[in-house]
N, C-alpha and C. Protein backbone atom coordinates (compact mmCIF):
# COMPACT_ATOMS: atom_id res chain seq x y z
N MET A 1 -173.27 105.60 141.18
CA MET A 1 -172.50 105.76 142.40
C MET A 1 -171.01 105.68 142.07
N LEU A 2 -170.23 106.51 142.73
CA LEU A 2 -168.78 106.54 142.51
C LEU A 2 -168.10 105.42 143.27
N SER A 3 -167.03 104.91 142.68
CA SER A 3 -166.20 103.94 143.39
C SER A 3 -164.82 104.55 143.62
N ASN A 4 -164.16 104.07 144.65
CA ASN A 4 -162.80 104.52 144.93
C ASN A 4 -161.89 104.25 143.75
N GLN A 5 -162.07 103.10 143.12
CA GLN A 5 -161.25 102.71 141.98
C GLN A 5 -161.42 103.70 140.82
N GLU A 6 -162.65 104.07 140.53
CA GLU A 6 -162.94 104.99 139.42
C GLU A 6 -162.26 106.34 139.64
N VAL A 7 -162.39 106.89 140.85
CA VAL A 7 -161.81 108.19 141.15
C VAL A 7 -160.28 108.10 141.15
N ALA A 8 -159.74 107.04 141.73
CA ALA A 8 -158.28 106.86 141.78
C ALA A 8 -157.70 106.78 140.37
N GLU A 9 -158.35 106.03 139.49
CA GLU A 9 -157.87 105.89 138.12
C GLU A 9 -157.89 107.22 137.38
N GLU A 10 -158.95 107.99 137.57
CA GLU A 10 -159.04 109.32 136.92
C GLU A 10 -157.93 110.24 137.44
N LEU A 11 -157.70 110.22 138.75
CA LEU A 11 -156.65 111.06 139.34
C LEU A 11 -155.28 110.67 138.81
N LEU A 12 -155.02 109.37 138.75
CA LEU A 12 -153.73 108.90 138.21
C LEU A 12 -153.58 109.26 136.74
N GLY A 13 -154.66 109.15 135.98
CA GLY A 13 -154.61 109.52 134.57
C GLY A 13 -154.32 111.00 134.36
N LYS A 14 -154.85 111.82 135.23
CA LYS A 14 -154.67 113.27 135.10
C LYS A 14 -153.35 113.76 135.70
N PHE A 15 -152.98 113.24 136.89
CA PHE A 15 -151.83 113.78 137.61
C PHE A 15 -150.62 112.86 137.68
N GLY A 16 -150.76 111.62 137.28
CA GLY A 16 -149.63 110.69 137.25
C GLY A 16 -148.96 110.54 138.61
N SER A 17 -147.66 110.71 138.63
CA SER A 17 -146.89 110.50 139.86
C SER A 17 -147.06 111.61 140.88
N GLN A 18 -147.83 112.63 140.54
CA GLN A 18 -148.08 113.72 141.50
C GLN A 18 -149.15 113.34 142.53
N VAL A 19 -149.83 112.22 142.33
CA VAL A 19 -150.74 111.65 143.33
C VAL A 19 -150.21 110.25 143.65
N PHE A 20 -150.14 109.91 144.92
CA PHE A 20 -149.48 108.68 145.35
C PHE A 20 -150.00 108.23 146.71
N ASP A 21 -149.49 107.12 147.19
CA ASP A 21 -149.87 106.55 148.50
C ASP A 21 -151.37 106.35 148.62
N PHE A 22 -151.96 105.72 147.63
CA PHE A 22 -153.40 105.45 147.67
C PHE A 22 -153.69 104.36 148.71
N GLU A 23 -154.72 104.60 149.52
CA GLU A 23 -155.18 103.65 150.52
C GLU A 23 -156.70 103.72 150.60
N GLU A 24 -157.29 102.80 151.36
CA GLU A 24 -158.73 102.82 151.59
C GLU A 24 -159.05 102.46 153.04
N PRO A 25 -158.53 103.22 154.01
CA PRO A 25 -158.88 102.89 155.40
C PRO A 25 -160.37 103.12 155.66
N TYR A 26 -161.01 102.10 156.22
CA TYR A 26 -162.44 102.15 156.50
C TYR A 26 -163.26 102.49 155.25
N GLY A 27 -162.74 102.12 154.09
CA GLY A 27 -163.47 102.32 152.84
C GLY A 27 -163.35 103.71 152.24
N MET A 28 -162.61 104.62 152.88
CA MET A 28 -162.48 105.99 152.35
C MET A 28 -161.23 106.10 151.47
N LEU A 29 -161.41 106.56 150.26
CA LEU A 29 -160.28 106.78 149.37
C LEU A 29 -159.37 107.83 150.00
N THR A 30 -158.11 107.48 150.17
CA THR A 30 -157.12 108.36 150.77
C THR A 30 -155.90 108.37 149.87
N LEU A 31 -155.36 109.56 149.62
CA LEU A 31 -154.19 109.69 148.77
C LEU A 31 -153.36 110.88 149.21
N SER A 32 -152.16 110.94 148.70
CA SER A 32 -151.27 112.07 148.97
C SER A 32 -150.93 112.78 147.68
N THR A 33 -150.58 114.05 147.83
CA THR A 33 -150.09 114.83 146.71
C THR A 33 -149.08 115.84 147.25
N THR A 34 -148.60 116.70 146.38
CA THR A 34 -147.61 117.70 146.78
C THR A 34 -148.30 119.04 146.98
N ARG A 35 -147.62 119.94 147.67
CA ARG A 35 -148.23 121.27 147.87
C ARG A 35 -148.30 122.03 146.56
N GLU A 36 -147.45 121.68 145.60
CA GLU A 36 -147.50 122.34 144.30
C GLU A 36 -148.74 121.92 143.51
N GLU A 37 -149.26 120.74 143.78
CA GLU A 37 -150.39 120.20 143.02
C GLU A 37 -151.71 120.23 143.78
N ILE A 38 -151.70 120.54 145.08
CA ILE A 38 -152.93 120.39 145.87
C ILE A 38 -154.10 121.19 145.30
N LEU A 39 -153.88 122.41 144.89
CA LEU A 39 -155.00 123.20 144.36
C LEU A 39 -155.54 122.61 143.06
N SER A 40 -154.65 122.10 142.22
CA SER A 40 -155.09 121.48 140.97
C SER A 40 -155.91 120.23 141.23
N VAL A 41 -155.49 119.43 142.22
CA VAL A 41 -156.23 118.21 142.56
C VAL A 41 -157.60 118.57 143.13
N LEU A 42 -157.63 119.53 144.05
CA LEU A 42 -158.91 119.96 144.63
C LEU A 42 -159.85 120.50 143.56
N GLU A 43 -159.32 121.32 142.67
CA GLU A 43 -160.14 121.90 141.61
C GLU A 43 -160.65 120.83 140.65
N PHE A 44 -159.79 119.87 140.31
CA PHE A 44 -160.18 118.78 139.43
C PHE A 44 -161.37 118.01 140.01
N LEU A 45 -161.29 117.66 141.29
CA LEU A 45 -162.36 116.90 141.93
C LEU A 45 -163.65 117.73 142.03
N LYS A 46 -163.49 119.01 142.31
CA LYS A 46 -164.66 119.89 142.47
C LYS A 46 -165.36 120.15 141.13
N GLU A 47 -164.58 120.42 140.10
CA GLU A 47 -165.14 120.82 138.80
C GLU A 47 -165.45 119.63 137.88
N HIS A 48 -165.05 118.43 138.26
CA HIS A 48 -165.28 117.26 137.42
C HIS A 48 -166.79 117.08 137.20
N SER A 49 -167.20 116.93 135.94
CA SER A 49 -168.63 116.91 135.61
C SER A 49 -169.36 115.72 136.25
N HIS A 50 -168.66 114.63 136.50
CA HIS A 50 -169.31 113.47 137.10
C HIS A 50 -169.08 113.38 138.61
N PHE A 51 -167.86 113.62 139.06
CA PHE A 51 -167.52 113.45 140.49
C PHE A 51 -168.24 114.46 141.38
N GLN A 52 -168.15 115.74 141.04
CA GLN A 52 -168.80 116.82 141.79
C GLN A 52 -168.48 116.74 143.29
N VAL A 53 -167.20 116.61 143.61
CA VAL A 53 -166.75 116.60 145.01
C VAL A 53 -166.65 118.05 145.44
N ASN A 54 -167.80 118.62 145.79
CA ASN A 54 -167.89 120.07 145.91
C ASN A 54 -168.00 120.60 147.34
N PHE A 55 -167.72 119.77 148.35
CA PHE A 55 -167.82 120.25 149.73
C PHE A 55 -166.55 119.89 150.50
N LEU A 56 -165.93 120.90 151.08
CA LEU A 56 -164.77 120.69 151.95
C LEU A 56 -165.30 120.49 153.36
N THR A 57 -165.28 119.25 153.81
CA THR A 57 -165.81 118.91 155.13
C THR A 57 -164.88 119.37 156.24
N ASP A 58 -163.58 119.15 156.03
CA ASP A 58 -162.62 119.47 157.08
C ASP A 58 -161.24 119.67 156.47
N LEU A 59 -160.47 120.46 157.17
CA LEU A 59 -159.07 120.71 156.82
C LEU A 59 -158.35 120.85 158.15
N THR A 60 -157.26 120.13 158.33
CA THR A 60 -156.54 120.20 159.59
C THR A 60 -155.06 119.91 159.38
N GLY A 61 -154.31 120.04 160.45
CA GLY A 61 -152.88 119.76 160.42
C GLY A 61 -152.54 118.61 161.34
N ILE A 62 -151.37 118.03 161.09
CA ILE A 62 -150.81 116.98 161.92
C ILE A 62 -149.32 117.23 161.99
N GLN A 63 -148.71 116.87 163.10
CA GLN A 63 -147.26 116.99 163.21
C GLN A 63 -146.65 115.61 163.45
N TYR A 64 -145.62 115.31 162.69
CA TYR A 64 -144.81 114.11 162.85
C TYR A 64 -143.37 114.55 163.08
N PRO A 65 -142.99 114.87 164.32
CA PRO A 65 -141.67 115.47 164.56
C PRO A 65 -140.49 114.59 164.15
N ASP A 66 -140.70 113.28 164.05
CA ASP A 66 -139.59 112.38 163.71
C ASP A 66 -139.45 112.11 162.21
N LYS A 67 -140.36 112.61 161.38
CA LYS A 67 -140.28 112.40 159.93
C LYS A 67 -139.48 113.53 159.30
N GLN A 68 -138.21 113.31 159.13
CA GLN A 68 -137.30 114.32 158.60
C GLN A 68 -137.77 114.83 157.24
N GLY A 69 -137.98 116.16 157.13
CA GLY A 69 -138.40 116.78 155.87
C GLY A 69 -139.88 116.69 155.60
N GLN A 70 -140.62 115.98 156.45
CA GLN A 70 -142.07 115.86 156.32
C GLN A 70 -142.71 115.98 157.70
N GLU A 71 -142.26 116.96 158.46
CA GLU A 71 -142.69 117.07 159.86
C GLU A 71 -144.16 117.45 160.02
N PHE A 72 -144.72 118.12 159.01
CA PHE A 72 -146.12 118.55 159.10
C PHE A 72 -146.92 118.01 157.93
N MET A 73 -148.20 117.86 158.16
CA MET A 73 -149.10 117.38 157.11
C MET A 73 -150.40 118.19 157.20
N VAL A 74 -150.92 118.56 156.04
CA VAL A 74 -152.24 119.17 155.95
C VAL A 74 -153.16 118.12 155.34
N VAL A 75 -154.31 117.90 155.99
CA VAL A 75 -155.24 116.86 155.56
C VAL A 75 -156.57 117.52 155.17
N TYR A 76 -157.05 117.17 153.98
CA TYR A 76 -158.31 117.69 153.45
C TYR A 76 -159.31 116.54 153.38
N HIS A 77 -160.51 116.74 153.91
CA HIS A 77 -161.61 115.79 153.74
C HIS A 77 -162.65 116.44 152.85
N LEU A 78 -162.99 115.77 151.77
CA LEU A 78 -163.92 116.31 150.77
C LEU A 78 -165.11 115.37 150.61
N HIS A 79 -166.22 115.93 150.16
CA HIS A 79 -167.46 115.14 150.06
C HIS A 79 -168.23 115.54 148.80
N SER A 80 -168.78 114.53 148.13
CA SER A 80 -169.71 114.76 147.03
C SER A 80 -171.11 114.43 147.54
N PHE A 81 -171.95 115.45 147.65
CA PHE A 81 -173.33 115.23 148.10
C PHE A 81 -174.11 114.43 147.05
N ILE A 82 -173.77 114.64 145.80
CA ILE A 82 -174.49 113.97 144.70
C ILE A 82 -174.34 112.46 144.79
N HIS A 83 -173.10 112.00 145.08
CA HIS A 83 -172.79 110.57 145.09
C HIS A 83 -172.57 110.01 146.49
N ASN A 84 -172.68 110.85 147.52
CA ASN A 84 -172.36 110.44 148.89
C ASN A 84 -170.99 109.77 148.93
N PHE A 85 -170.02 110.46 148.36
CA PHE A 85 -168.65 109.94 148.21
C PHE A 85 -167.69 110.85 148.96
N ARG A 86 -166.78 110.23 149.74
CA ARG A 86 -165.80 111.01 150.49
C ARG A 86 -164.39 110.63 150.07
N VAL A 87 -163.50 111.62 150.17
CA VAL A 87 -162.09 111.40 149.83
C VAL A 87 -161.23 112.22 150.78
N ARG A 88 -160.08 111.66 151.15
CA ARG A 88 -159.12 112.33 152.02
C ARG A 88 -157.83 112.55 151.21
N ILE A 89 -157.32 113.79 151.27
CA ILE A 89 -156.08 114.11 150.56
C ILE A 89 -155.08 114.66 151.58
N LYS A 90 -153.86 114.11 151.54
CA LYS A 90 -152.82 114.51 152.49
C LYS A 90 -151.65 115.16 151.75
N VAL A 91 -151.10 116.20 152.37
CA VAL A 91 -149.94 116.88 151.81
C VAL A 91 -148.91 117.05 152.93
N SER A 92 -147.73 116.47 152.75
CA SER A 92 -146.66 116.62 153.73
C SER A 92 -145.80 117.83 153.38
N ILE A 93 -145.40 118.56 154.43
CA ILE A 93 -144.55 119.74 154.23
C ILE A 93 -143.46 119.76 155.30
N PRO A 94 -142.28 120.28 154.96
CA PRO A 94 -141.19 120.32 155.94
C PRO A 94 -141.32 121.48 156.92
N GLU A 95 -140.84 121.28 158.12
CA GLU A 95 -140.87 122.33 159.13
C GLU A 95 -140.06 123.54 158.69
N ALA A 96 -138.99 123.31 157.93
CA ALA A 96 -138.13 124.40 157.48
C ALA A 96 -138.81 125.31 156.46
N ASP A 97 -139.86 124.83 155.80
CA ASP A 97 -140.60 125.60 154.79
C ASP A 97 -142.07 125.27 154.94
N ILE A 98 -142.68 125.76 155.99
CA ILE A 98 -144.01 125.35 156.43
C ILE A 98 -145.12 126.16 155.74
N HIS A 99 -145.07 126.18 154.41
CA HIS A 99 -146.03 126.92 153.58
C HIS A 99 -146.82 125.96 152.70
N ILE A 100 -148.07 126.35 152.43
CA ILE A 100 -148.92 125.63 151.49
C ILE A 100 -149.92 126.65 150.93
N PRO A 101 -150.35 126.51 149.69
CA PRO A 101 -151.30 127.49 149.14
C PRO A 101 -152.67 127.39 149.82
N THR A 102 -153.34 128.50 149.93
CA THR A 102 -154.68 128.53 150.51
C THR A 102 -155.70 127.93 149.56
N ALA A 103 -156.72 127.29 150.13
CA ALA A 103 -157.81 126.73 149.33
C ALA A 103 -159.04 127.62 149.38
N THR A 104 -158.90 128.85 149.92
CA THR A 104 -160.06 129.73 150.06
C THR A 104 -160.64 130.15 148.71
N GLY A 105 -159.85 130.13 147.65
CA GLY A 105 -160.37 130.47 146.33
C GLY A 105 -161.32 129.41 145.78
N LEU A 106 -161.17 128.17 146.25
CA LEU A 106 -162.04 127.08 145.82
C LEU A 106 -163.18 126.84 146.79
N TYR A 107 -162.87 126.93 148.06
CA TYR A 107 -163.84 126.67 149.12
C TYR A 107 -163.80 127.81 150.12
N ALA A 108 -164.85 128.61 150.20
CA ALA A 108 -164.89 129.73 151.14
C ALA A 108 -164.75 129.25 152.58
N CYS A 109 -165.28 128.05 152.86
CA CYS A 109 -165.22 127.52 154.23
C CYS A 109 -163.79 127.20 154.67
N ALA A 110 -162.85 127.13 153.74
CA ALA A 110 -161.45 126.87 154.10
C ALA A 110 -160.88 128.01 154.92
N ASN A 111 -161.48 129.19 154.83
CA ASN A 111 -160.99 130.37 155.53
C ASN A 111 -160.76 130.08 157.00
N TRP A 112 -161.80 129.69 157.72
CA TRP A 112 -161.68 129.49 159.16
C TRP A 112 -160.90 128.22 159.48
N MET A 113 -161.03 127.19 158.66
CA MET A 113 -160.28 125.95 158.90
C MET A 113 -158.78 126.19 158.79
N GLU A 114 -158.38 126.98 157.80
CA GLU A 114 -156.96 127.30 157.65
C GLU A 114 -156.48 128.19 158.79
N ARG A 115 -157.31 129.10 159.23
CA ARG A 115 -156.93 129.95 160.37
C ARG A 115 -156.75 129.10 161.63
N GLU A 116 -157.63 128.15 161.85
CA GLU A 116 -157.50 127.28 163.02
C GLU A 116 -156.23 126.44 162.92
N THR A 117 -155.94 125.91 161.74
CA THR A 117 -154.74 125.10 161.55
C THR A 117 -153.49 125.95 161.76
N TYR A 118 -153.50 127.17 161.27
CA TYR A 118 -152.39 128.08 161.55
C TYR A 118 -152.27 128.35 163.05
N ASP A 119 -153.38 128.61 163.69
CA ASP A 119 -153.40 128.96 165.11
C ASP A 119 -152.81 127.86 165.98
N PHE A 120 -153.09 126.62 165.66
CA PHE A 120 -152.64 125.51 166.49
C PHE A 120 -151.33 124.87 166.05
N TYR A 121 -150.99 124.94 164.76
CA TYR A 121 -149.78 124.28 164.26
C TYR A 121 -148.76 125.24 163.65
N GLY A 122 -149.15 126.45 163.31
CA GLY A 122 -148.23 127.39 162.70
C GLY A 122 -148.02 127.17 161.22
N ILE A 123 -148.88 126.39 160.58
CA ILE A 123 -148.78 126.17 159.13
C ILE A 123 -149.26 127.42 158.42
N LEU A 124 -148.46 127.92 157.49
CA LEU A 124 -148.76 129.16 156.78
C LEU A 124 -149.46 128.85 155.45
N PHE A 125 -150.62 129.44 155.26
CA PHE A 125 -151.40 129.25 154.04
C PHE A 125 -151.21 130.47 153.15
N ASP A 126 -150.34 130.31 152.15
CA ASP A 126 -150.00 131.42 151.25
C ASP A 126 -151.23 131.89 150.48
N GLY A 127 -151.46 133.21 150.50
CA GLY A 127 -152.58 133.80 149.79
C GLY A 127 -153.85 133.89 150.60
N HIS A 128 -153.82 133.42 151.84
CA HIS A 128 -155.02 133.49 152.68
C HIS A 128 -155.39 134.95 152.92
N PRO A 129 -156.67 135.30 152.84
CA PRO A 129 -157.07 136.71 152.95
C PRO A 129 -156.91 137.32 154.35
N ASN A 130 -156.84 136.49 155.40
CA ASN A 130 -156.77 137.04 156.75
C ASN A 130 -156.19 136.01 157.72
N LEU A 131 -154.97 135.58 157.46
CA LEU A 131 -154.36 134.51 158.26
C LEU A 131 -153.87 135.07 159.59
N LYS A 132 -154.72 134.93 160.60
CA LYS A 132 -154.35 135.33 161.95
C LYS A 132 -155.02 134.37 162.92
N ARG A 133 -154.62 134.43 164.17
CA ARG A 133 -155.16 133.52 165.17
C ARG A 133 -156.68 133.66 165.25
N ILE A 134 -157.33 132.53 165.51
CA ILE A 134 -158.79 132.54 165.54
C ILE A 134 -159.32 132.14 166.91
N LEU A 135 -158.59 131.31 167.66
CA LEU A 135 -159.05 130.86 168.97
C LEU A 135 -158.12 131.28 170.10
N ASN A 136 -156.83 131.33 169.84
CA ASN A 136 -155.86 131.71 170.86
C ASN A 136 -155.59 133.21 170.80
N ILE A 137 -155.01 133.74 171.87
CA ILE A 137 -154.72 135.18 171.91
C ILE A 137 -153.57 135.52 170.96
N ASP A 138 -153.61 136.70 170.42
CA ASP A 138 -152.60 137.14 169.45
C ASP A 138 -151.19 137.15 170.04
N GLU A 139 -151.08 137.34 171.35
CA GLU A 139 -149.77 137.46 171.99
C GLU A 139 -149.06 136.11 172.16
N MET A 140 -149.74 135.01 171.89
CA MET A 140 -149.09 133.69 172.02
C MET A 140 -147.91 133.63 171.06
N ASP A 141 -146.78 133.17 171.56
CA ASP A 141 -145.60 133.06 170.70
C ASP A 141 -145.26 131.59 170.43
N TYR A 142 -146.24 130.71 170.57
CA TYR A 142 -146.05 129.29 170.27
C TYR A 142 -147.36 128.74 169.71
N PHE A 143 -147.30 127.52 169.23
CA PHE A 143 -148.46 126.86 168.63
C PHE A 143 -148.78 125.63 169.47
N PRO A 144 -149.89 125.63 170.19
CA PRO A 144 -150.14 124.65 171.25
C PRO A 144 -150.28 123.19 170.82
N MET A 145 -150.59 122.89 169.58
CA MET A 145 -150.74 121.48 169.18
C MET A 145 -149.43 120.85 168.71
N ARG A 146 -148.38 121.63 168.66
CA ARG A 146 -147.09 121.06 168.28
C ARG A 146 -146.56 120.18 169.40
N LYS A 147 -145.88 119.14 169.01
CA LYS A 147 -145.35 118.18 169.98
C LYS A 147 -143.96 118.63 170.44
N GLU A 148 -143.93 119.77 171.09
CA GLU A 148 -142.66 120.35 171.53
C GLU A 148 -142.53 120.39 173.04
N TYR A 149 -143.57 119.94 173.73
CA TYR A 149 -143.59 120.05 175.18
C TYR A 149 -143.90 118.68 175.78
N PRO A 150 -143.39 118.40 176.99
CA PRO A 150 -143.71 117.12 177.64
C PRO A 150 -145.20 117.05 177.96
N LEU A 151 -145.74 115.83 177.94
CA LEU A 151 -147.15 115.67 178.23
C LEU A 151 -147.47 115.90 179.70
N GLU A 152 -146.49 115.69 180.57
CA GLU A 152 -146.69 115.87 181.99
C GLU A 152 -145.60 116.73 182.58
N ASP A 153 -145.89 117.32 183.72
CA ASP A 153 -144.89 118.07 184.47
C ASP A 153 -144.15 117.08 185.36
N ALA A 154 -142.92 116.80 185.02
CA ALA A 154 -142.13 115.80 185.75
C ALA A 154 -141.81 116.22 187.18
N THR A 155 -142.00 117.48 187.50
CA THR A 155 -141.68 117.96 188.84
C THR A 155 -142.85 117.84 189.81
N ARG A 156 -144.01 117.43 189.33
CA ARG A 156 -145.17 117.30 190.23
C ARG A 156 -144.93 116.22 191.27
N GLU A 157 -145.31 116.51 192.51
CA GLU A 157 -145.13 115.55 193.59
C GLU A 157 -146.45 115.05 194.15
N ASP A 158 -147.55 115.54 193.61
CA ASP A 158 -148.86 115.15 194.14
C ASP A 158 -149.46 113.94 193.44
N LYS A 159 -148.71 113.30 192.55
CA LYS A 159 -149.19 112.11 191.86
C LYS A 159 -148.51 110.88 192.41
N ILE A 160 -149.28 109.87 192.64
CA ILE A 160 -148.72 108.58 193.07
C ILE A 160 -148.72 107.68 191.84
N ASP A 161 -147.54 107.31 191.37
CA ASP A 161 -147.41 106.54 190.14
C ASP A 161 -148.25 105.27 190.15
N ALA A 162 -148.36 104.62 191.28
CA ALA A 162 -149.11 103.36 191.38
C ALA A 162 -150.57 103.55 191.01
N LEU A 163 -151.11 104.74 191.27
CA LEU A 163 -152.50 105.00 190.93
C LEU A 163 -152.72 105.24 189.45
N PHE A 164 -151.66 105.45 188.72
CA PHE A 164 -151.73 105.69 187.28
C PHE A 164 -151.17 104.52 186.47
N GLY A 165 -151.06 103.36 187.10
CA GLY A 165 -150.61 102.17 186.38
C GLY A 165 -149.15 102.16 186.04
N ARG A 166 -148.35 102.91 186.83
CA ARG A 166 -146.91 102.95 186.56
C ARG A 166 -146.15 102.31 187.69
């Protein structure tokens, strides 16, 4: 059985300072890397003769509008069926250069996950074979999961604040 410590040590030995911010929330190995190294890290975990982290469970985006130069993050969840081992990898990218390489060459299932992430956050996956909207209409000129809009319409008059705990 794989341990978080074993995988973390191998990653540090191979990539050094290119992998960082190791954590274990709820027992899941979580780490960060750069967009320049993400494909190498994914390939290393997938092709490793012992780890065999060969399934991309999920890929999504997150927005942190107040983190200057790291406004967006792409998060990868990977799984080894052989060892029942999961790992989360995070990559921060700036809003000014919202590009990251596609993982479709390693995981075919990344195709639709990357399209969904593009559709909702506007993150561009360089090299993706068909990066276009998947759930929203093509004519949308915004990305609905971005934190650019107020959560409520301040002009509404049909709400009584007291009923909403305000």
